[in-house]
Amino acid sequence: MGERFELPAELNIYSALETRDALLAWVTEQSAKGRDYLEVSAREVAELDGSGLQLLAALSNSEHAWRVVEPSQVFIDACRAIGLTQWLDSRDQKSA
């Protein structure tokens, strides 16, 4: 397994462009290393809006398999609120 991409604490419209650029560079790097499965850590996410979720939705539409690891409660709650629980591991979904 390759290195994880760490989402920023503020995954919102104000950080979306910078995060997108860093995420694309990381995906390219991981692909060049032959990684076939990517891990995106959401443990630091404390603020999340639609722009941040759209960024991850775009990753879902790419050719790369990925999953969220260590999601913060804010991230879990946002995924539940808009029906994106498939991004969460079943262990995360049981969190209160």
PDB file of N, CA and C in Angstrom:
ATOM      1  N   MET A   1       0.847  -1.171   0.000  1.00  0.00           N
ATOM      2  CA  MET A   1       0.000   0.000   0.000  1.00  0.00           C
ATOM      3  C   MET A   1       0.891   1.233   0.000  1.00  0.00           C
ATOM      4  N   GLY A   2       0.528   2.228  -0.749  1.00  0.00           N
ATOM      5  CA  GLY A   2       1.314   3.446  -0.843  1.00  0.00           C
ATOM      6  C   GLY A   2       1.015   4.401   0.291  1.00  0.00           C
ATOM      7  N   GLU A   3       1.599   5.553   0.190  1.00  0.00           N
ATOM      8  CA  GLU A   3       1.353   6.568   1.205  1.00  0.00           C
ATOM      9  C   GLU A   3      -0.067   7.110   1.066  1.00  0.00           C
ATOM     10  N   ARG A   4      -0.600   7.594   2.143  1.00  0.00           N
ATOM     11  CA  ARG A   4      -1.956   8.148   2.148  1.00  0.00           C
ATOM     12  C   ARG A   4      -1.932   9.623   1.794  1.00  0.00           C
ATOM     13  N   PHE A   5      -3.018  10.071   1.192  1.00  0.00           N
ATOM     14  CA  PHE A   5      -3.204  11.494   0.974  1.00  0.00           C
ATOM     15  C   PHE A   5      -3.983  12.023   2.165  1.00  0.00           C
ATOM     16  N   GLU A   6      -3.466  13.051   2.802  1.00  0.00           N
ATOM     17  CA  GLU A   6      -4.105  13.644   3.981  1.00  0.00           C
ATOM     18  C   GLU A   6      -4.953  14.839   3.550  1.00  0.00           C
ATOM     19  N   LEU A   7      -6.260  14.720   3.725  1.00  0.00           N
ATOM     20  CA  LEU A   7      -7.135  15.850   3.441  1.00  0.00           C
ATOM     21  C   LEU A   7      -6.908  16.929   4.489  1.00  0.00           C
ATOM     22  N   PRO A   8      -7.055  18.196   4.099  1.00  0.00           N
ATOM     23  CA  PRO A   8      -6.836  19.283   5.064  1.00  0.00           C
ATOM     24  C   PRO A   8      -7.969  19.383   6.073  1.00  0.00           C
ATOM     25  N   ALA A   9      -7.722  20.072   7.157  1.00  0.00           N
ATOM     26  CA  ALA A   9      -8.739  20.276   8.193  1.00  0.00           C
ATOM     27  C   ALA A   9      -9.934  21.041   7.634  1.00  0.00           C
ATOM     28  N   GLU A  10      -9.669  21.990   6.765  1.00  0.00           N
ATOM     29  CA  GLU A  10     -10.731  22.767   6.134  1.00  0.00           C
ATOM     30  C   GLU A  10     -10.846  22.333   4.681  1.00  0.00           C
ATOM     31  N   LEU A  11     -11.742  21.416   4.431  1.00  0.00           N
ATOM     32  CA  LEU A  11     -11.986  20.907   3.082  1.00  0.00           C
ATOM     33  C   LEU A  11     -13.236  21.602   2.559  1.00  0.00           C
ATOM     34  N   ASN A  12     -13.025  22.837   2.087  1.00  0.00           N
ATOM     35  CA  ASN A  12     -14.150  23.678   1.684  1.00  0.00           C
ATOM     36  C   ASN A  12     -13.791  24.466   0.423  1.00  0.00           C
ATOM     37  N   ILE A  13     -14.675  25.349   0.036  1.00  0.00           N
ATOM     38  CA  ILE A  13     -14.487  26.108  -1.193  1.00  0.00           C
ATOM     39  C   ILE A  13     -13.194  26.925  -1.167  1.00  0.00           C
ATOM     40  N   TYR A  14     -12.764  27.329   0.003  1.00  0.00           N
ATOM     41  CA  TYR A  14     -11.567  28.149   0.113  1.00  0.00           C
ATOM     42  C   TYR A  14     -10.284  27.351  -0.097  1.00  0.00           C
ATOM     43  N   SER A  15     -10.346  26.060   0.146  1.00  0.00           N
ATOM     44  CA  SER A  15      -9.155  25.219  -0.030  1.00  0.00           C
ATOM     45  C   SER A  15      -9.283  24.237  -1.192  1.00  0.00           C
ATOM     46  N   ALA A  16     -10.408  24.254  -1.884  1.00  0.00           N
ATOM     47  CA  ALA A  16     -10.689  23.241  -2.907  1.00  0.00           C
ATOM     48  C   ALA A  16      -9.663  23.244  -4.046  1.00  0.00           C
ATOM     49  N   LEU A  17      -9.305  24.393  -4.559  1.00  0.00           N
ATOM     50  CA  LEU A  17      -8.364  24.450  -5.678  1.00  0.00           C
ATOM     51  C   LEU A  17      -6.990  23.934  -5.276  1.00  0.00           C
ATOM     52  N   GLU A  18      -6.502  24.391  -4.156  1.00  0.00           N
ATOM     53  CA  GLU A  18      -5.196  23.947  -3.667  1.00  0.00           C
ATOM     54  C   GLU A  18      -5.213  22.438  -3.367  1.00  0.00           C
ATOM     55  N   THR A  19      -6.281  21.981  -2.744  1.00  0.00           N
ATOM     56  CA  THR A  19      -6.408  20.554  -2.429  1.00  0.00           C
ATOM     57  C   THR A  19      -6.514  19.731  -3.701  1.00  0.00           C
ATOM     58  N   ARG A  20      -7.271  20.215  -4.672  1.00  0.00           N
ATOM     59  CA  ARG A  20      -7.400  19.503  -5.946  1.00  0.00           C
ATOM     60  C   ARG A  20      -6.047  19.349  -6.616  1.00  0.00           C
ATOM     61  N   ASP A  21      -5.276  20.417  -6.671  1.00  0.00           N
ATOM     62  CA  ASP A  21      -3.957  20.356  -7.310  1.00  0.00           C
ATOM     63  C   ASP A  21      -3.042  19.370  -6.596  1.00  0.00           C
ATOM     64  N   ALA A  22      -3.051  19.401  -5.264  1.00  0.00           N
ATOM     65  CA  ALA A  22      -2.216  18.475  -4.493  1.00  0.00           C
ATOM     66  C   ALA A  22      -2.691  17.037  -4.671  1.00  0.00           C
ATOM     67  N   LEU A  23      -4.004  16.842  -4.695  1.00  0.00           N
ATOM     68  CA  LEU A  23      -4.564  15.502  -4.867  1.00  0.00           C
ATOM     69  C   LEU A  23      -4.226  14.936  -6.241  1.00  0.00           C
ATOM     70  N   LEU A  24      -4.361  15.748  -7.285  1.00  0.00           N
ATOM     71  CA  LEU A  24      -4.022  15.285  -8.638  1.00  0.00           C
ATOM     72  C   LEU A  24      -2.546  14.933  -8.758  1.00  0.00           C
ATOM     73  N   ALA A  25      -1.687  15.740  -8.173  1.00  0.00           N
ATOM     74  CA  ALA A  25      -0.251  15.451  -8.205  1.00  0.00           C
ATOM     75  C   ALA A  25       0.033  14.150  -7.462  1.00  0.00           C
ATOM     76  N   TRP A  26      -0.628  13.945  -6.335  1.00  0.00           N
ATOM     77  CA  TRP A  26      -0.433  12.729  -5.550  1.00  0.00           C
ATOM     78  C   TRP A  26      -0.930  11.503  -6.316  1.00  0.00           C
ATOM     79  N   VAL A  27      -2.101  11.611  -6.944  1.00  0.00           N
ATOM     80  CA  VAL A  27      -2.642  10.490  -7.733  1.00  0.00           C
ATOM     81  C   VAL A  27      -1.687  10.142  -8.868  1.00  0.00           C
ATOM     82  N   THR A  28      -1.166  11.146  -9.543  1.00  0.00           N
ATOM     83  CA  THR A  28      -0.211  10.915 -10.622  1.00  0.00           C
ATOM     84  C   THR A  28       1.037  10.207 -10.110  1.00  0.00           C
ATOM     85  N   GLU A  29       1.535  10.660  -8.976  1.00  0.00           N
ATOM     86  CA  GLU A  29       2.722  10.052  -8.368  1.00  0.00           C
ATOM     87  C   GLU A  29       2.455   8.595  -7.978  1.00  0.00           C
ATOM     88  N   GLN A  30       1.311   8.353  -7.362  1.00  0.00           N
ATOM     89  CA  GLN A  30       0.976   6.990  -6.940  1.00  0.00           C
ATOM     90  C   GLN A  30       0.780   6.068  -8.151  1.00  0.00           C
ATOM     91  N   SER A  31       0.199   6.592  -9.204  1.00  0.00           N
ATOM     92  CA  SER A  31       0.007   5.801 -10.429  1.00  0.00           C
ATOM     93  C   SER A  31       1.348   5.448 -11.053  1.00  0.00           C
ATOM     94  N   ALA A  32       2.270   6.401 -11.050  1.00  0.00           N
ATOM     95  CA  ALA A  32       3.606   6.154 -11.601  1.00  0.00           C
ATOM     96  C   ALA A  32       4.343   5.081 -10.801  1.00  0.00           C
ATOM     97  N   LYS A  33       4.022   4.979  -9.522  1.00  0.00           N
ATOM     98  CA  LYS A  33       4.634   3.960  -8.669  1.00  0.00           C
ATOM     99  C   LYS A  33       3.929   2.613  -8.793  1.00  0.00           C
ATOM    100  N   GLY A  34       2.892   2.571  -9.626  1.00  0.00           N
ATOM    101  CA  GLY A  34       2.175   1.319  -9.837  1.00  0.00           C
ATOM    102  C   GLY A  34       1.145   0.996  -8.771  1.00  0.00           C
ATOM    103  N   ARG A  35       0.757   1.971  -7.979  1.00  0.00           N
ATOM    104  CA  ARG A  35      -0.258   1.740  -6.947  1.00  0.00           C
ATOM    105  C   ARG A  35      -1.613   1.561  -7.627  1.00  0.00           C
ATOM    106  N   ASP A  36      -2.295   0.496  -7.279  1.00  0.00           N
ATOM    107  CA  ASP A  36      -3.599   0.269  -7.885  1.00  0.00           C
ATOM    108  C   ASP A  36      -4.749   0.589  -6.946  1.00  0.00           C
ATOM    109  N   TYR A  37      -4.440   0.907  -5.687  1.00  0.00           N
ATOM    110  CA  TYR A  37      -5.468   1.246  -4.723  1.00  0.00           C
ATOM    111  C   TYR A  37      -4.957   2.400  -3.873  1.00  0.00           C
ATOM    112  N   LEU A  38      -5.724   3.465  -3.785  1.00  0.00           N
ATOM    113  CA  LEU A  38      -5.302   4.678  -3.102  1.00  0.00           C
ATOM    114  C   LEU A  38      -6.071   4.867  -1.801  1.00  0.00           C
ATOM    115  N   GLU A  39      -5.407   5.403  -0.804  1.00  0.00           N
ATOM    116  CA  GLU A  39      -6.040   5.699   0.475  1.00  0.00           C
ATOM    117  C   GLU A  39      -5.997   7.199   0.739  1.00  0.00           C
ATOM    118  N   VAL A  40      -7.172   7.732   1.065  1.00  0.00           N
ATOM    119  CA  VAL A  40      -7.317   9.150   1.367  1.00  0.00           C
ATOM    120  C   VAL A  40      -7.732   9.266   2.827  1.00  0.00           C
ATOM    121  N   SER A  41      -6.892   9.895   3.628  1.00  0.00           N
ATOM    122  CA  SER A  41      -7.180  10.046   5.050  1.00  0.00           C
ATOM    123  C   SER A  41      -8.000  11.312   5.289  1.00  0.00           C
ATOM    124  N   ALA A  42      -9.098  11.146   6.029  1.00  0.00           N
ATOM    125  CA  ALA A  42      -9.967  12.269   6.377  1.00  0.00           C
ATOM    126  C   ALA A  42      -9.947  12.520   7.884  1.00  0.00           C
ATOM    127  N   ARG A  43      -8.891  12.086   8.549  1.00  0.00           N
ATOM    128  CA  ARG A  43      -8.851  12.183  10.009  1.00  0.00           C
ATOM    129  C   ARG A  43      -8.778  13.612  10.521  1.00  0.00           C
ATOM    130  N   GLU A  44      -8.232  14.525   9.741  1.00  0.00           N
ATOM    131  CA  GLU A  44      -8.085  15.916  10.186  1.00  0.00           C
ATOM    132  C   GLU A  44      -9.239  16.822   9.753  1.00  0.00           C
ATOM    133  N   VAL A  45     -10.177  16.308   8.967  1.00  0.00           N
ATOM    134  CA  VAL A  45     -11.256  17.143   8.431  1.00  0.00           C
ATOM    135  C   VAL A  45     -12.158  17.624   9.567  1.00  0.00           C
ATOM    136  N   ALA A  46     -12.177  18.935   9.756  1.00  0.00           N
ATOM    137  CA  ALA A  46     -12.996  19.557  10.793  1.00  0.00           C
ATOM    138  C   ALA A  46     -14.086  20.438  10.191  1.00  0.00           C
ATOM    139  N   GLU A  47     -13.904  20.805   8.934  1.00  0.00           N
ATOM    140  CA  GLU A  47     -14.868  21.640   8.225  1.00  0.00           C
ATOM    141  C   GLU A  47     -14.974  21.116   6.801  1.00  0.00           C
ATOM    142  N   LEU A  48     -16.204  20.893   6.350  1.00  0.00           N
ATOM    143  CA  LEU A  48     -16.423  20.279   5.047  1.00  0.00           C
ATOM    144  C   LEU A  48     -17.652  20.890   4.409  1.00  0.00           C
ATOM    145  N   ASP A  49     -17.547  21.238   3.129  1.00  0.00           N
ATOM    146  CA  ASP A  49     -18.717  21.746   2.415  1.00  0.00           C
ATOM    147  C   ASP A  49     -18.856  21.014   1.082  1.00  0.00           C
ATOM    148  N   GLY A  50     -19.800  21.458   0.286  1.00  0.00           N
ATOM    149  CA  GLY A  50     -20.073  20.805  -0.990  1.00  0.00           C
ATOM    150  C   GLY A  50     -18.887  20.784  -1.930  1.00  0.00           C
ATOM    151  N   SER A  51     -18.063  21.799  -1.893  1.00  0.00           N
ATOM    152  CA  SER A  51     -16.882  21.835  -2.763  1.00  0.00           C
ATOM    153  C   SER A  51     -15.904  20.727  -2.410  1.00  0.00           C
ATOM    154  N   GLY A  52     -15.719  20.499  -1.131  1.00  0.00           N
ATOM    155  CA  GLY A  52     -14.839  19.422  -0.697  1.00  0.00           C
ATOM    156  C   GLY A  52     -15.374  18.064  -1.101  1.00  0.00           C
ATOM    157  N   LEU A  53     -16.674  17.889  -0.958  1.00  0.00           N
ATOM    158  CA  LEU A  53     -17.289  16.624  -1.357  1.00  0.00           C
ATOM    159  C   LEU A  53     -17.241  16.438  -2.875  1.00  0.00           C
ATOM    160  N   GLN A  54     -17.419  17.515  -3.633  1.00  0.00           N
ATOM    161  CA  GLN A  54     -17.322  17.430  -5.089  1.00  0.00           C
ATOM    162  C   GLN A  54     -15.927  17.009  -5.525  1.00  0.00           C
ATOM    163  N   LEU A  55     -14.940  17.474  -4.821  1.00  0.00           N
ATOM    164  CA  LEU A  55     -13.560  17.102  -5.123  1.00  0.00           C
ATOM    165  C   LEU A  55     -13.382  15.585  -5.019  1.00  0.00           C
ATOM    166  N   LEU A  56     -13.924  14.998  -3.971  1.00  0.00           N
ATOM    167  CA  LEU A  56     -13.831  13.554  -3.805  1.00  0.00           C
ATOM    168  C   LEU A  56     -14.739  12.817  -4.788  1.00  0.00           C
ATOM    169  N   ALA A  57     -15.872  13.412  -5.122  1.00  0.00           N
ATOM    170  CA  ALA A  57     -16.751  12.800  -6.121  1.00  0.00           C
ATOM    171  C   ALA A  57     -16.043  12.725  -7.469  1.00  0.00           C
ATOM    172  N   ALA A  58     -15.263  13.737  -7.793  1.00  0.00           N
ATOM    173  CA  ALA A  58     -14.496  13.711  -9.047  1.00  0.00           C
ATOM    174  C   ALA A  58     -13.476  12.573  -9.010  1.00  0.00           C
ATOM    175  N   LEU A  59     -12.866  12.344  -7.870  1.00  0.00           N
ATOM    176  CA  LEU A  59     -11.933  11.226  -7.733  1.00  0.00           C
ATOM    177  C   LEU A  59     -12.669   9.902  -7.934  1.00  0.00           C
ATOM    178  N   SER A  60     -13.901   9.839  -7.469  1.00  0.00           N
ATOM    179  CA  SER A  60     -14.707   8.625  -7.649  1.00  0.00           C
ATOM    180  C   SER A  60     -14.965   8.332  -9.121  1.00  0.00           C
ATOM    181  N   ASN A  61     -14.984   9.373  -9.926  1.00  0.00           N
ATOM    182  CA  ASN A  61     -15.240   9.203 -11.356  1.00  0.00           C
ATOM    183  C   ASN A  61     -13.969   8.982 -12.162  1.00  0.00           C
ATOM    184  N   SER A  62     -12.845   8.871 -11.489  1.00  0.00           N
ATOM    185  CA  SER A  62     -11.586   8.617 -12.176  1.00  0.00           C
ATOM    186  C   SER A  62     -11.381   7.111 -12.296  1.00  0.00           C
ATOM    187  N   GLU A  63     -10.324   6.742 -12.933  1.00  0.00           N
ATOM    188  CA  GLU A  63     -10.022   5.323 -13.135  1.00  0.00           C
ATOM    189  C   GLU A  63      -9.340   4.677 -11.934  1.00  0.00           C
ATOM    190  N   HIS A  64      -9.118   5.433 -10.891  1.00  0.00           N
ATOM    191  CA  HIS A  64      -8.368   4.949  -9.735  1.00  0.00           C
ATOM    192  C   HIS A  64      -9.293   4.453  -8.624  1.00  0.00           C
ATOM    193  N   ALA A  65      -9.000   3.284  -8.109  1.00  0.00           N
ATOM    194  CA  ALA A  65      -9.730   2.765  -6.956  1.00  0.00           C
ATOM    195  C   ALA A  65      -9.183   3.448  -5.705  1.00  0.00           C
ATOM    196  N   TRP A  66     -10.068   3.876  -4.834  1.00  0.00           N
ATOM    197  CA  TRP A  66      -9.643   4.571  -3.639  1.00  0.00           C
ATOM    198  C   TRP A  66     -10.635   4.331  -2.519  1.00  0.00           C
ATOM    199  N   ARG A  67     -10.186   4.643  -1.308  1.00  0.00           N
ATOM    200  CA  ARG A  67     -11.080   4.578  -0.160  1.00  0.00           C
ATOM    201  C   ARG A  67     -10.658   5.611   0.866  1.00  0.00           C
ATOM    202  N   VAL A  68     -11.615   6.009   1.676  1.00  0.00           N
ATOM    203  CA  VAL A  68     -11.354   6.930   2.775  1.00  0.00           C
ATOM    204  C   VAL A  68     -10.921   6.109   3.978  1.00  0.00           C
ATOM    205  N   VAL A  69      -9.879   6.564   4.646  1.00  0.00           N
ATOM    206  CA  VAL A  69      -9.424   5.926   5.873  1.00  0.00           C
ATOM    207  C   VAL A  69      -9.421   6.955   6.997  1.00  0.00           C
ATOM    208  N   GLU A  70      -9.641   6.501   8.190  1.00  0.00           N
ATOM    209  CA  GLU A  70      -9.626   7.333   9.385  1.00  0.00           C
ATOM    210  C   GLU A  70     -10.474   8.604   9.259  1.00  0.00           C
ATOM    211  N   PRO A  71     -11.741   8.476   8.872  1.00  0.00           N
ATOM    212  CA  PRO A  71     -12.558   9.683   8.730  1.00  0.00           C
ATOM    213  C   PRO A  71     -12.883  10.320  10.079  1.00  0.00           C
ATOM    214  N   SER A  72     -12.867  11.642  10.098  1.00  0.00           N
ATOM    215  CA  SER A  72     -13.270  12.366  11.301  1.00  0.00           C
ATOM    216  C   SER A  72     -14.790  12.251  11.439  1.00  0.00           C
ATOM    217  N   GLN A  73     -15.294  12.595  12.603  1.00  0.00           N
ATOM    218  CA  GLN A  73     -16.746  12.554  12.802  1.00  0.00           C
ATOM    219  C   GLN A  73     -17.446  13.542  11.879  1.00  0.00           C
ATOM    220  N   VAL A  74     -16.836  14.690  11.636  1.00  0.00           N
ATOM    221  CA  VAL A  74     -17.406  15.680  10.712  1.00  0.00           C
ATOM    222  C   VAL A  74     -17.550  15.063   9.320  1.00  0.00           C
ATOM    223  N   PHE A  75     -16.525  14.355   8.877  1.00  0.00           N
ATOM    224  CA  PHE A  75     -16.567  13.720   7.559  1.00  0.00           C
ATOM    225  C   PHE A  75     -17.644  12.633   7.524  1.00  0.00           C
ATOM    226  N   ILE A  76     -17.708  11.821   8.562  1.00  0.00           N
ATOM    227  CA  ILE A  76     -18.726  10.765   8.636  1.00  0.00           C
ATOM    228  C   ILE A  76     -20.123  11.370   8.585  1.00  0.00           C
ATOM    229  N   ASP A  77     -20.359  12.403   9.374  1.00  0.00           N
ATOM    230  CA  ASP A  77     -21.675  13.044   9.418  1.00  0.00           C
ATOM    231  C   ASP A  77     -22.063  13.632   8.063  1.00  0.00           C
ATOM    232  N   ALA A  78     -21.108  14.259   7.381  1.00  0.00           N
ATOM    233  CA  ALA A  78     -21.395  14.844   6.065  1.00  0.00           C
ATOM    234  C   ALA A  78     -21.735  13.753   5.049  1.00  0.00           C
ATOM    235  N   CYS A  79     -21.000  12.670   5.072  1.00  0.00           N
ATOM    236  CA  CYS A  79     -21.279  11.558   4.147  1.00  0.00           C
ATOM    237  C   CYS A  79     -22.648  10.964   4.404  1.00  0.00           C
ATOM    238  N   ARG A  80     -22.985  10.799   5.654  1.00  0.00           N
ATOM    239  CA  ARG A  80     -24.310  10.279   5.998  1.00  0.00           C
ATOM    240  C   ARG A  80     -25.409  11.228   5.540  1.00  0.00           C
ATOM    241  N   ALA A  81     -25.199  12.528   5.744  1.00  0.00           N
ATOM    242  CA  ALA A  81     -26.224  13.525   5.424  1.00  0.00           C
ATOM    243  C   ALA A  81     -26.578  13.555   3.943  1.00  0.00           C
ATOM    244  N   ILE A  82     -25.604  13.283   3.091  1.00  0.00           N
ATOM    245  CA  ILE A  82     -25.898  13.364   1.655  1.00  0.00           C
ATOM    246  C   ILE A  82     -25.876  12.005   0.963  1.00  0.00           C
ATOM    247  N   GLY A  83     -25.865  10.941   1.743  1.00  0.00           N
ATOM    248  CA  GLY A  83     -25.987   9.609   1.171  1.00  0.00           C
ATOM    249  C   GLY A  83     -24.734   9.044   0.534  1.00  0.00           C
ATOM    250  N   LEU A  84     -23.574   9.434   1.027  1.00  0.00           N
ATOM    251  CA  LEU A  84     -22.320   8.917   0.488  1.00  0.00           C
ATOM    252  C   LEU A  84     -21.664   7.946   1.459  1.00  0.00           C
ATOM    253  N   THR A  85     -22.460   7.119   2.089  1.00  0.00           N
ATOM    254  CA  THR A  85     -21.911   6.179   3.063  1.00  0.00           C
ATOM    255  C   THR A  85     -21.054   5.105   2.400  1.00  0.00           C
ATOM    256  N   GLN A  86     -21.152   4.947   1.095  1.00  0.00           N
ATOM    257  CA  GLN A  86     -20.282   3.982   0.407  1.00  0.00           C
ATOM    258  C   GLN A  86     -18.822   4.405   0.493  1.00  0.00           C
ATOM    259  N   TRP A  87     -18.563   5.663   0.803  1.00  0.00           N
ATOM    260  CA  TRP A  87     -17.190   6.136   0.985  1.00  0.00           C
ATOM    261  C   TRP A  87     -16.629   5.713   2.340  1.00  0.00           C
ATOM    262  N   LEU A  88     -17.484   5.267   3.221  1.00  0.00           N
ATOM    263  CA  LEU A  88     -17.069   4.927   4.583  1.00  0.00           C
ATOM    264  C   LEU A  88     -16.970   3.421   4.741  1.00  0.00           C
ATOM    265  N   ASP A  89     -15.985   3.011   5.477  1.00  0.00           N
ATOM    266  CA  ASP A  89     -15.826   1.613   5.855  1.00  0.00           C
ATOM    267  C   ASP A  89     -16.985   1.258   6.798  1.00  0.00           C
ATOM    268  N   SER A  90     -17.445   0.042   6.780  1.00  0.00           N
ATOM    269  CA  SER A  90     -18.550  -0.348   7.641  1.00  0.00           C
ATOM    270  C   SER A  90     -18.259  -0.084   9.111  1.00  0.00           C
ATOM    271  N   ARG A  91     -17.007  -0.155   9.519  1.00  0.00           N
ATOM    272  CA  ARG A  91     -16.650   0.163  10.915  1.00  0.00           C
ATOM    273  C   ARG A  91     -16.911   1.633  11.222  1.00  0.00           C
ATOM    274  N   ASP A  92     -16.668   2.504  10.237  1.00  0.00           N
ATOM    275  CA  ASP A  92     -16.885   3.935  10.437  1.00  0.00           C
ATOM    276  C   ASP A  92     -18.366   4.248  10.548  1.00  0.00           C
ATOM    277  N   GLN A  93     -19.187   3.545   9.783  1.00  0.00           N
ATOM    278  CA  GLN A  93     -20.616   3.813   9.759  1.00  0.00           C
ATOM    279  C   GLN A  93     -21.276   3.507  11.098  1.00  0.00           C
ATOM    280  N   LYS A  94     -20.664   2.656  11.898  1.00  0.00           N
ATOM    281  CA  LYS A  94     -21.228   2.304  13.194  1.00  0.00           C
ATOM    282  C   LYS A  94     -20.878   3.338  14.264  1.00  0.00           C
ATOM    283  N   SER A  95     -19.979   4.257  13.943  1.00  0.00           N
ATOM    284  CA  SER A  95     -19.586   5.289  14.905  1.00  0.00           C
ATOM    285  C   SER A  95     -20.774   6.159  15.255  1.00  0.00           C
ATOM    286  N   ALA A  96     -20.806   6.613  16.485  1.00  0.00           N
ATOM    287  CA  ALA A  96     -21.905   7.487  16.916  1.00  0.00           C
ATOM    288  C   ALA A  96     -21.630   8.914  16.540  1.00  0.00           C
TER     289      ALA A  96
END
